[in-house]
């Protein structure tokens, strides 16, 4: 998990977080979150009817919300465990986001917003 602020959850994916990430999954208008901070090999899907009913025991799920299930390994072990996010929408972005200054960026490449750029 990259960040959670003001109802927006950003999850990034990479093979090498030291230098870049290649995938961003942004959940918007999040009302419920049950997810480990660190996880590996995720599989994203919509929750089943039974899973939605289980989530409803913790929070009211309105008609405008979707319940997403993320099955992933965590530091608890190699077994994929289900986690849930209730949100109004989700956006998937693919492309390389570098964690350092770099010239001659190609299409679908950018520098992370937090990298300090020299003037």
N, C-alpha and C. Protein backbone atom coordinates (compact mmCIF):
# COMPACT_ATOMS: atom_id res chain seq x y z
N UNK A 1 0.86 -1.16 0.00
CA UNK A 1 0.00 0.00 0.00
C UNK A 1 0.91 1.22 0.00
N UNK A 2 0.67 2.12 -0.93
CA UNK A 2 1.49 3.33 -1.06
C UNK A 2 1.02 4.44 -0.13
N UNK A 3 -0.30 4.75 -0.19
CA UNK A 3 -0.81 5.84 0.65
C UNK A 3 -2.32 5.72 0.81
N UNK A 4 -2.81 6.33 1.90
CA UNK A 4 -4.24 6.45 2.14
C UNK A 4 -4.46 7.83 2.73
N UNK A 5 -5.22 8.65 2.01
CA UNK A 5 -5.45 10.02 2.47
C UNK A 5 -6.78 10.52 1.92
N UNK A 6 -7.57 11.11 2.78
CA UNK A 6 -8.84 11.73 2.39
C UNK A 6 -9.72 10.83 1.53
N UNK A 7 -9.81 9.60 1.92
CA UNK A 7 -10.69 8.68 1.22
C UNK A 7 -10.13 8.10 -0.06
N UNK A 8 -8.86 8.34 -0.34
CA UNK A 8 -8.25 7.76 -1.54
C UNK A 8 -7.11 6.83 -1.14
N UNK A 9 -7.16 5.62 -1.67
CA UNK A 9 -6.16 4.61 -1.40
C UNK A 9 -5.37 4.37 -2.68
N UNK A 10 -4.04 4.48 -2.58
CA UNK A 10 -3.17 4.24 -3.73
C UNK A 10 -2.29 3.03 -3.42
N UNK A 11 -2.38 2.03 -4.30
CA UNK A 11 -1.55 0.84 -4.21
C UNK A 11 -0.64 0.84 -5.43
N UNK A 12 0.66 0.64 -5.20
CA UNK A 12 1.61 0.59 -6.31
C UNK A 12 2.20 -0.80 -6.41
N UNK A 13 2.63 -1.16 -7.62
CA UNK A 13 3.22 -2.46 -7.85
C UNK A 13 4.50 -2.36 -8.66
N UNK A 14 5.50 -3.18 -8.28
CA UNK A 14 6.79 -3.15 -8.96
C UNK A 14 7.60 -4.39 -8.64
N UNK A 15 8.58 -4.65 -9.48
CA UNK A 15 9.57 -5.68 -9.18
C UNK A 15 10.76 -5.08 -8.45
N UNK A 16 10.87 -3.74 -8.44
CA UNK A 16 12.02 -3.08 -7.84
C UNK A 16 11.62 -1.72 -7.28
N UNK A 17 11.09 -1.69 -6.07
CA UNK A 17 10.63 -0.45 -5.46
C UNK A 17 11.78 0.51 -5.12
N UNK A 18 13.00 0.09 -5.27
CA UNK A 18 14.12 1.00 -4.99
C UNK A 18 14.21 2.08 -6.06
N UNK A 19 13.81 1.78 -7.29
CA UNK A 19 14.00 2.70 -8.41
C UNK A 19 12.72 3.14 -9.10
N UNK A 20 11.65 2.37 -9.05
CA UNK A 20 10.44 2.69 -9.80
C UNK A 20 9.28 1.81 -9.38
N UNK A 21 8.10 2.18 -9.84
CA UNK A 21 6.96 1.26 -9.84
C UNK A 21 6.29 1.33 -11.20
N UNK A 22 5.51 0.31 -11.53
CA UNK A 22 4.95 0.20 -12.87
C UNK A 22 3.43 0.17 -12.93
N UNK A 23 2.80 -0.02 -11.79
CA UNK A 23 1.35 -0.10 -11.75
C UNK A 23 0.84 0.71 -10.57
N UNK A 24 -0.25 1.43 -10.80
CA UNK A 24 -0.94 2.14 -9.72
C UNK A 24 -2.41 1.75 -9.76
N UNK A 25 -2.94 1.37 -8.61
CA UNK A 25 -4.36 1.09 -8.46
C UNK A 25 -4.87 2.10 -7.44
N UNK A 26 -5.74 2.98 -7.89
CA UNK A 26 -6.25 4.04 -7.01
C UNK A 26 -7.74 3.82 -6.75
N UNK A 27 -8.08 3.59 -5.49
CA UNK A 27 -9.47 3.46 -5.07
C UNK A 27 -9.93 4.83 -4.60
N UNK A 28 -11.12 5.25 -5.06
CA UNK A 28 -11.63 6.59 -4.72
C UNK A 28 -12.88 6.49 -3.86
N UNK A 29 -13.00 7.45 -2.94
CA UNK A 29 -14.13 7.50 -2.01
C UNK A 29 -14.22 6.20 -1.21
N UNK A 30 -13.10 5.83 -0.59
CA UNK A 30 -13.02 4.60 0.20
C UNK A 30 -13.79 4.80 1.51
N UNK A 31 -14.65 3.83 1.84
CA UNK A 31 -15.39 3.89 3.10
C UNK A 31 -15.02 2.76 4.05
N UNK A 32 -14.33 1.75 3.54
CA UNK A 32 -13.91 0.62 4.38
C UNK A 32 -12.64 0.04 3.79
N UNK A 33 -11.73 -0.33 4.69
CA UNK A 33 -10.43 -0.85 4.26
C UNK A 33 -9.98 -1.92 5.24
N UNK A 34 -9.72 -3.11 4.74
CA UNK A 34 -9.20 -4.21 5.54
C UNK A 34 -8.09 -4.85 4.72
N UNK A 35 -6.86 -4.35 4.90
CA UNK A 35 -5.78 -4.72 4.01
C UNK A 35 -4.45 -4.58 4.73
N UNK A 36 -3.54 -5.57 4.62
CA UNK A 36 -2.22 -5.40 5.21
C UNK A 36 -1.45 -4.30 4.48
N UNK A 37 -0.54 -3.66 5.16
CA UNK A 37 0.25 -2.59 4.56
C UNK A 37 1.19 -3.15 3.49
N UNK A 38 1.78 -4.30 3.75
CA UNK A 38 2.66 -4.94 2.78
C UNK A 38 2.06 -6.27 2.34
N UNK A 39 2.01 -6.49 1.03
CA UNK A 39 1.53 -7.76 0.52
C UNK A 39 2.16 -8.01 -0.84
N UNK A 40 2.10 -9.28 -1.29
CA UNK A 40 2.76 -9.72 -2.52
C UNK A 40 1.81 -10.53 -3.37
N UNK A 41 2.08 -10.54 -4.66
CA UNK A 41 1.35 -11.37 -5.62
C UNK A 41 -0.16 -11.24 -5.50
N UNK A 42 -0.66 -10.00 -5.59
CA UNK A 42 -2.10 -9.82 -5.41
C UNK A 42 -2.92 -10.24 -6.62
N UNK A 43 -4.13 -10.64 -6.33
CA UNK A 43 -5.14 -10.90 -7.35
C UNK A 43 -6.33 -10.02 -6.98
N UNK A 44 -6.71 -9.08 -7.86
CA UNK A 44 -7.81 -8.15 -7.62
C UNK A 44 -9.07 -8.68 -8.30
N UNK A 45 -10.20 -8.58 -7.59
CA UNK A 45 -11.48 -8.99 -8.15
C UNK A 45 -12.61 -8.32 -7.37
N UNK A 46 -13.81 -8.38 -7.92
CA UNK A 46 -14.98 -7.94 -7.17
C UNK A 46 -15.33 -9.02 -6.14
N UNK A 47 -15.80 -8.60 -5.00
CA UNK A 47 -16.16 -9.55 -3.94
C UNK A 47 -17.40 -10.34 -4.34
N UNK A 48 -17.48 -11.54 -3.82
CA UNK A 48 -18.67 -12.38 -4.05
C UNK A 48 -19.81 -11.87 -3.17
N UNK A 49 -21.01 -12.35 -3.44
CA UNK A 49 -22.18 -11.96 -2.64
C UNK A 49 -21.98 -12.31 -1.16
N UNK A 50 -21.42 -13.49 -0.89
CA UNK A 50 -21.17 -13.90 0.50
C UNK A 50 -20.15 -12.97 1.17
N UNK A 51 -19.13 -12.59 0.43
CA UNK A 51 -18.11 -11.69 0.98
C UNK A 51 -18.70 -10.30 1.25
N UNK A 52 -19.56 -9.84 0.36
CA UNK A 52 -20.21 -8.54 0.57
C UNK A 52 -21.05 -8.59 1.83
N UNK A 53 -21.77 -9.67 2.05
CA UNK A 53 -22.58 -9.81 3.26
C UNK A 53 -21.69 -9.80 4.51
N UNK A 54 -20.53 -10.44 4.44
CA UNK A 54 -19.61 -10.44 5.58
C UNK A 54 -19.09 -9.03 5.86
N UNK A 55 -18.77 -8.28 4.82
CA UNK A 55 -18.30 -6.89 4.99
C UNK A 55 -19.42 -6.03 5.58
N UNK A 56 -20.67 -6.31 5.20
CA UNK A 56 -21.81 -5.54 5.71
C UNK A 56 -21.98 -5.68 7.21
N UNK A 57 -21.35 -6.67 7.82
CA UNK A 57 -21.39 -6.80 9.28
C UNK A 57 -20.55 -5.72 9.95
N UNK A 58 -19.64 -5.11 9.19
CA UNK A 58 -18.76 -4.06 9.73
C UNK A 58 -19.17 -2.67 9.29
N UNK A 59 -19.77 -2.55 8.08
CA UNK A 59 -20.09 -1.24 7.53
C UNK A 59 -21.27 -1.36 6.57
N UNK A 60 -22.07 -0.31 6.51
CA UNK A 60 -23.16 -0.28 5.53
C UNK A 60 -22.55 -0.09 4.15
N UNK A 61 -22.95 -0.92 3.22
CA UNK A 61 -22.48 -0.82 1.84
C UNK A 61 -23.63 -0.29 0.99
N UNK A 62 -23.47 0.95 0.51
CA UNK A 62 -24.51 1.57 -0.29
C UNK A 62 -24.50 1.12 -1.73
N UNK A 63 -25.54 1.52 -2.46
CA UNK A 63 -25.67 1.13 -3.87
C UNK A 63 -24.55 1.71 -4.73
N UNK A 64 -24.01 2.85 -4.35
CA UNK A 64 -22.98 3.47 -5.18
C UNK A 64 -21.58 2.91 -4.90
N UNK A 65 -21.48 2.03 -3.91
CA UNK A 65 -20.18 1.46 -3.54
C UNK A 65 -19.98 0.09 -4.16
N UNK A 66 -18.71 -0.23 -4.40
CA UNK A 66 -18.32 -1.55 -4.87
C UNK A 66 -17.42 -2.16 -3.79
N UNK A 67 -17.52 -3.46 -3.63
CA UNK A 67 -16.65 -4.16 -2.69
C UNK A 67 -15.63 -4.94 -3.51
N UNK A 68 -14.36 -4.58 -3.33
CA UNK A 68 -13.26 -5.21 -4.04
C UNK A 68 -12.57 -6.19 -3.10
N UNK A 69 -12.15 -7.31 -3.64
CA UNK A 69 -11.39 -8.29 -2.87
C UNK A 69 -9.98 -8.33 -3.45
N UNK A 70 -9.00 -8.29 -2.56
CA UNK A 70 -7.60 -8.43 -2.96
C UNK A 70 -7.06 -9.66 -2.24
N UNK A 71 -6.82 -10.72 -3.00
CA UNK A 71 -6.24 -11.93 -2.43
C UNK A 71 -4.74 -11.84 -2.62
N UNK A 72 -3.99 -11.90 -1.51
CA UNK A 72 -2.54 -11.71 -1.61
C UNK A 72 -1.81 -12.41 -0.47
N UNK A 73 -0.53 -12.65 -0.72
CA UNK A 73 0.36 -13.17 0.32
C UNK A 73 0.82 -11.98 1.16
N UNK A 74 1.06 -12.24 2.43
CA UNK A 74 1.59 -11.19 3.31
C UNK A 74 2.73 -11.77 4.13
N UNK A 75 3.25 -10.98 5.06
CA UNK A 75 4.33 -11.50 5.89
C UNK A 75 3.84 -12.58 6.86
N UNK A 76 2.53 -12.85 6.85
CA UNK A 76 2.00 -13.94 7.68
C UNK A 76 2.25 -15.31 7.05
N UNK A 77 2.56 -15.32 5.74
CA UNK A 77 2.82 -16.60 5.09
C UNK A 77 2.56 -16.55 3.60
N UNK A 78 2.71 -17.70 2.95
CA UNK A 78 2.56 -17.78 1.50
C UNK A 78 1.12 -18.01 1.06
N UNK A 79 0.24 -18.30 1.98
CA UNK A 79 -1.16 -18.50 1.63
C UNK A 79 -1.80 -17.16 1.28
N UNK A 80 -2.52 -17.13 0.16
CA UNK A 80 -3.21 -15.89 -0.22
C UNK A 80 -4.44 -15.73 0.66
N UNK A 81 -4.54 -14.58 1.31
CA UNK A 81 -5.68 -14.29 2.18
C UNK A 81 -6.49 -13.15 1.56
N UNK A 82 -7.80 -13.19 1.71
CA UNK A 82 -8.62 -12.12 1.13
C UNK A 82 -8.65 -10.89 2.04
N UNK A 83 -8.56 -9.73 1.41
CA UNK A 83 -8.72 -8.45 2.07
C UNK A 83 -9.74 -7.66 1.26
N UNK A 84 -10.32 -6.62 1.88
CA UNK A 84 -11.43 -5.94 1.21
C UNK A 84 -11.27 -4.42 1.24
N UNK A 85 -11.75 -3.81 0.15
CA UNK A 85 -11.81 -2.36 0.03
C UNK A 85 -13.20 -2.03 -0.48
N UNK A 86 -13.90 -1.13 0.21
CA UNK A 86 -15.19 -0.64 -0.26
C UNK A 86 -14.95 0.78 -0.76
N UNK A 87 -15.27 1.01 -2.04
CA UNK A 87 -15.01 2.31 -2.66
C UNK A 87 -16.04 2.59 -3.73
N UNK A 88 -16.13 3.87 -4.12
CA UNK A 88 -17.04 4.24 -5.20
C UNK A 88 -16.49 3.88 -6.57
N UNK A 89 -15.15 3.97 -6.72
CA UNK A 89 -14.57 3.67 -8.03
C UNK A 89 -13.11 3.27 -7.87
N UNK A 90 -12.55 2.77 -8.96
CA UNK A 90 -11.14 2.37 -9.00
C UNK A 90 -10.57 2.78 -10.34
N UNK A 91 -9.30 3.21 -10.33
CA UNK A 91 -8.60 3.59 -11.55
C UNK A 91 -7.30 2.80 -11.59
N UNK A 92 -7.01 2.20 -12.74
CA UNK A 92 -5.77 1.47 -12.95
C UNK A 92 -4.89 2.27 -13.90
N UNK A 93 -3.65 2.52 -13.49
CA UNK A 93 -2.68 3.22 -14.34
C UNK A 93 -1.46 2.33 -14.51
N UNK A 94 -1.05 2.15 -15.77
CA UNK A 94 0.15 1.39 -16.07
C UNK A 94 1.18 2.31 -16.70
N UNK A 95 2.43 2.12 -16.35
CA UNK A 95 3.52 2.94 -16.85
C UNK A 95 4.59 3.01 -15.77
N UNK A 96 5.77 3.42 -16.14
CA UNK A 96 6.88 3.45 -15.19
C UNK A 96 6.97 4.81 -14.51
N UNK A 97 7.00 4.78 -13.18
CA UNK A 97 7.16 5.99 -12.38
C UNK A 97 8.51 5.87 -11.68
N UNK A 98 9.47 6.69 -12.11
CA UNK A 98 10.83 6.61 -11.59
C UNK A 98 10.96 7.38 -10.29
N UNK A 99 11.84 6.88 -9.41
CA UNK A 99 12.09 7.51 -8.12
C UNK A 99 13.37 8.34 -8.14
N UNK A 100 13.80 8.75 -9.29
CA UNK A 100 15.01 9.55 -9.44
C UNK A 100 14.86 10.41 -10.70
N UNK A 101 15.67 11.46 -10.78
CA UNK A 101 15.64 12.32 -11.96
C UNK A 101 16.13 11.54 -13.17
N UNK A 102 15.49 11.80 -14.30
CA UNK A 102 15.81 11.06 -15.51
C UNK A 102 15.37 11.91 -16.70
N UNK A 103 16.17 11.93 -17.72
CA UNK A 103 15.84 12.69 -18.92
C UNK A 103 15.27 11.77 -19.98
N UNK A 104 14.73 12.37 -21.03
CA UNK A 104 14.23 11.65 -22.20
C UNK A 104 13.19 10.60 -21.83
N UNK A 105 12.19 11.03 -21.08
CA UNK A 105 11.11 10.11 -20.72
C UNK A 105 10.31 9.74 -21.96
N UNK A 106 9.91 8.50 -22.03
CA UNK A 106 9.10 8.02 -23.14
C UNK A 106 7.63 8.04 -22.74
N UNK A 107 6.78 7.66 -23.67
CA UNK A 107 5.35 7.59 -23.39
C UNK A 107 5.11 6.64 -22.22
N UNK A 108 4.20 7.00 -21.34
CA UNK A 108 3.85 6.23 -20.14
C UNK A 108 4.99 6.13 -19.14
N UNK A 109 5.87 7.12 -19.12
CA UNK A 109 6.93 7.23 -18.11
C UNK A 109 6.84 8.61 -17.48
N UNK A 110 7.12 8.68 -16.17
CA UNK A 110 7.16 9.96 -15.48
C UNK A 110 8.03 9.83 -14.24
N UNK A 111 8.34 10.98 -13.66
CA UNK A 111 9.10 11.03 -12.41
C UNK A 111 8.10 11.15 -11.27
N UNK A 112 8.32 10.45 -10.18
CA UNK A 112 7.42 10.54 -9.02
C UNK A 112 7.33 11.98 -8.54
N UNK A 113 6.14 12.38 -8.12
CA UNK A 113 5.91 13.76 -7.68
C UNK A 113 6.83 14.17 -6.54
N UNK A 114 7.23 13.24 -5.70
CA UNK A 114 8.00 13.58 -4.50
C UNK A 114 9.50 13.69 -4.77
N UNK A 115 9.96 13.39 -5.99
CA UNK A 115 11.38 13.51 -6.31
C UNK A 115 11.73 14.99 -6.41
N UNK A 116 12.77 15.40 -5.70
CA UNK A 116 13.20 16.80 -5.72
C UNK A 116 13.97 17.05 -7.01
N UNK A 117 13.46 17.98 -7.79
CA UNK A 117 14.10 18.28 -9.07
C UNK A 117 14.97 19.51 -8.94
N UNK A 118 16.13 19.46 -9.57
CA UNK A 118 17.06 20.59 -9.58
C UNK A 118 16.63 21.57 -10.66
N UNK A 119 16.69 22.84 -10.34
CA UNK A 119 16.27 23.86 -11.32
C UNK A 119 17.39 24.22 -12.25
